[in-house]
């Protein structure tokens, strides 16, 4: 994550591509003891308060829960979560998402949040954990 001159927060993925609210991503996570990947949508880029991560920043995201190894398994939205490690995230385009995942993530509303200035714009689906 880098801070631009205009106080706006900039978070980049593994390839150095800037991420912002509304972008689609694929990210690594652990399912039981097996590493796996999830599709998700960025809800906000915000300053974190980590003492162990150099960039001291995070992404609020909405992921999709799917058990791709189980045939005909229904998919659903996961609990909203936070990602901090940019090297485990890749931005993807809408057309790279499976159709069911895209339909589900399109129902998720995002806000344009400038957490540095603690301003929130928009009225729908305010993130509860933003102070």
Protein backbone atom coordinates (compact mmCIF):
# COMPACT_ATOMS: atom_id res chain seq x y z
CA UNK A 1 0.00 0.00 0.00
CA UNK A 2 1.18 3.47 -0.85
CA UNK A 3 -0.11 6.87 0.15
CA UNK A 4 -0.61 9.27 -2.70
CA UNK A 5 -0.02 12.99 -2.39
CA UNK A 6 -3.78 13.68 -2.09
CA UNK A 7 -4.27 11.83 1.25
CA UNK A 8 -6.17 9.10 -0.59
CA UNK A 9 -5.13 5.58 0.29
CA UNK A 10 -3.80 3.35 -2.49
CA UNK A 11 -3.55 -0.43 -2.03
CA UNK A 12 -1.88 -2.51 -4.75
CA UNK A 13 -2.18 -6.22 -5.50
CA UNK A 14 0.65 -8.71 -6.11
CA UNK A 15 1.26 -7.29 -9.61
CA UNK A 16 1.24 -3.67 -8.45
CA UNK A 17 -2.27 -2.96 -9.77
CA UNK A 18 -4.12 -0.40 -7.60
CA UNK A 19 -7.29 -1.70 -5.92
CA UNK A 20 -10.34 0.35 -5.05
CA UNK A 21 -13.89 -0.18 -3.81
CA UNK A 22 -15.89 -2.20 -6.31
CA UNK A 23 -12.94 -4.13 -7.79
CA UNK A 24 -13.11 -7.92 -8.04
CA UNK A 25 -10.29 -9.99 -6.60
CA UNK A 26 -9.10 -13.53 -6.04
CA UNK A 27 -7.27 -14.15 -2.77
CA UNK A 28 -5.62 -16.92 -0.84
CA UNK A 29 -7.04 -18.41 2.34
CA UNK A 30 -6.84 -21.62 4.37
CA UNK A 31 -9.68 -24.13 4.34
CA UNK A 32 -8.99 -26.49 7.23
CA UNK A 33 -5.35 -27.38 6.48
CA UNK A 34 -5.45 -26.79 2.73
CA UNK A 35 -4.56 -23.56 0.97
CA UNK A 36 -7.24 -22.42 -1.45
CA UNK A 37 -8.54 -19.40 -3.39
CA UNK A 38 -11.71 -17.33 -3.05
CA UNK A 39 -13.34 -14.76 -5.28
CA UNK A 40 -14.34 -11.48 -3.69
CA UNK A 41 -15.20 -7.81 -4.04
CA UNK A 42 -13.37 -4.87 -2.47
CA UNK A 43 -15.64 -2.85 -0.18
CA UNK A 44 -13.09 -0.29 0.99
CA UNK A 45 -9.39 0.55 1.20
CA UNK A 46 -8.49 1.75 4.67
CA UNK A 47 -5.64 2.44 7.01
CA UNK A 48 -4.95 -0.38 9.38
CA UNK A 49 -3.25 -0.46 12.73
CA UNK A 50 -1.00 -3.47 12.30
CA UNK A 51 2.30 -3.54 14.09
CA UNK A 52 3.65 -6.38 11.96
CA UNK A 53 2.80 -5.33 8.41
CA UNK A 54 5.02 -2.70 6.84
CA UNK A 55 2.27 -1.05 4.79
CA UNK A 56 -0.04 -0.70 7.83
CA UNK A 57 -3.12 -0.90 5.58
CA UNK A 58 -5.99 -3.22 4.74
CA UNK A 59 -8.89 -4.00 2.41
CA UNK A 60 -12.44 -4.58 3.57
CA UNK A 61 -13.84 -7.29 1.33
CA UNK A 62 -16.86 -9.49 0.69
CA UNK A 63 -15.95 -13.02 -0.35
CA UNK A 64 -17.90 -15.88 -1.85
CA UNK A 65 -18.06 -19.20 -0.01
CA UNK A 66 -17.89 -22.11 -2.41
CA UNK A 67 -16.78 -25.67 -2.08
CA UNK A 68 -15.66 -26.10 -5.67
CA UNK A 69 -14.58 -29.68 -5.03
CA UNK A 70 -18.17 -30.70 -4.15
CA UNK A 71 -20.32 -31.17 -7.24
CA UNK A 72 -23.52 -29.05 -7.37
CA UNK A 73 -22.60 -27.21 -4.16
CA UNK A 74 -24.52 -23.96 -3.61
CA UNK A 75 -22.46 -20.80 -3.20
CA UNK A 76 -23.12 -18.01 -0.71
CA UNK A 77 -21.62 -14.79 0.58
CA UNK A 78 -19.07 -15.13 3.38
CA UNK A 79 -18.90 -12.90 6.40
CA UNK A 80 -17.29 -9.55 5.47
CA UNK A 81 -13.61 -9.63 6.29
CA UNK A 82 -10.31 -7.77 6.14
CA UNK A 83 -7.23 -8.58 4.05
CA UNK A 84 -3.80 -7.11 4.78
CA UNK A 85 -1.25 -8.99 2.70
CA UNK A 86 -1.19 -7.57 -0.83
CA UNK A 87 1.07 -10.35 -2.10
CA UNK A 88 -1.85 -12.79 -1.61
CA UNK A 89 -4.35 -10.79 -3.71
CA UNK A 90 -4.86 -10.40 -7.47
CA UNK A 91 -7.30 -8.04 -9.16
CA UNK A 92 -9.44 -9.72 -11.79
CA UNK A 93 -11.92 -8.42 -14.36
CA UNK A 94 -15.67 -9.06 -14.25
CA UNK A 95 -15.46 -11.43 -17.21
CA UNK A 96 -13.00 -13.66 -15.30
CA UNK A 97 -15.50 -14.50 -12.56
CA UNK A 98 -17.73 -17.57 -12.83
CA UNK A 99 -21.30 -16.50 -13.67
CA UNK A 100 -22.81 -17.58 -10.32
CA UNK A 101 -20.10 -15.76 -8.36
CA UNK A 102 -20.56 -12.56 -10.39
CA UNK A 103 -24.35 -12.59 -9.91
CA UNK A 104 -23.88 -12.94 -6.15
CA UNK A 105 -21.16 -10.28 -5.85
CA UNK A 106 -23.19 -7.84 -7.96
CA UNK A 107 -25.74 -7.77 -5.12
CA UNK A 108 -23.09 -6.40 -2.72
CA UNK A 109 -23.13 -2.61 -2.41
CA UNK A 110 -19.91 -0.71 -1.76
CA UNK A 111 -19.24 2.78 -0.53
CA UNK A 112 -16.55 5.21 -1.45
CA UNK A 113 -14.72 5.59 1.82
CA UNK A 114 -11.81 7.86 2.55
CA UNK A 115 -10.92 6.36 5.90
CA UNK A 116 -7.98 8.70 6.39
CA UNK A 117 -10.40 11.63 6.58
CA UNK A 118 -13.12 9.46 8.19
CA UNK A 119 -15.71 10.48 5.62
CA UNK A 120 -18.34 8.18 4.24
CA UNK A 121 -20.35 8.93 1.12
CA UNK A 122 -23.52 7.12 0.16
CA UNK A 123 -26.39 5.94 2.31
CA UNK A 124 -26.73 2.20 1.64
CA UNK A 125 -24.95 -0.65 3.40
CA UNK A 126 -22.65 1.39 5.62
CA UNK A 127 -19.76 -0.71 6.85
CA UNK A 128 -20.33 -1.28 10.55
CA UNK A 129 -16.68 -1.51 11.51
CA UNK A 130 -15.55 1.82 10.04
CA UNK A 131 -15.03 4.35 12.81
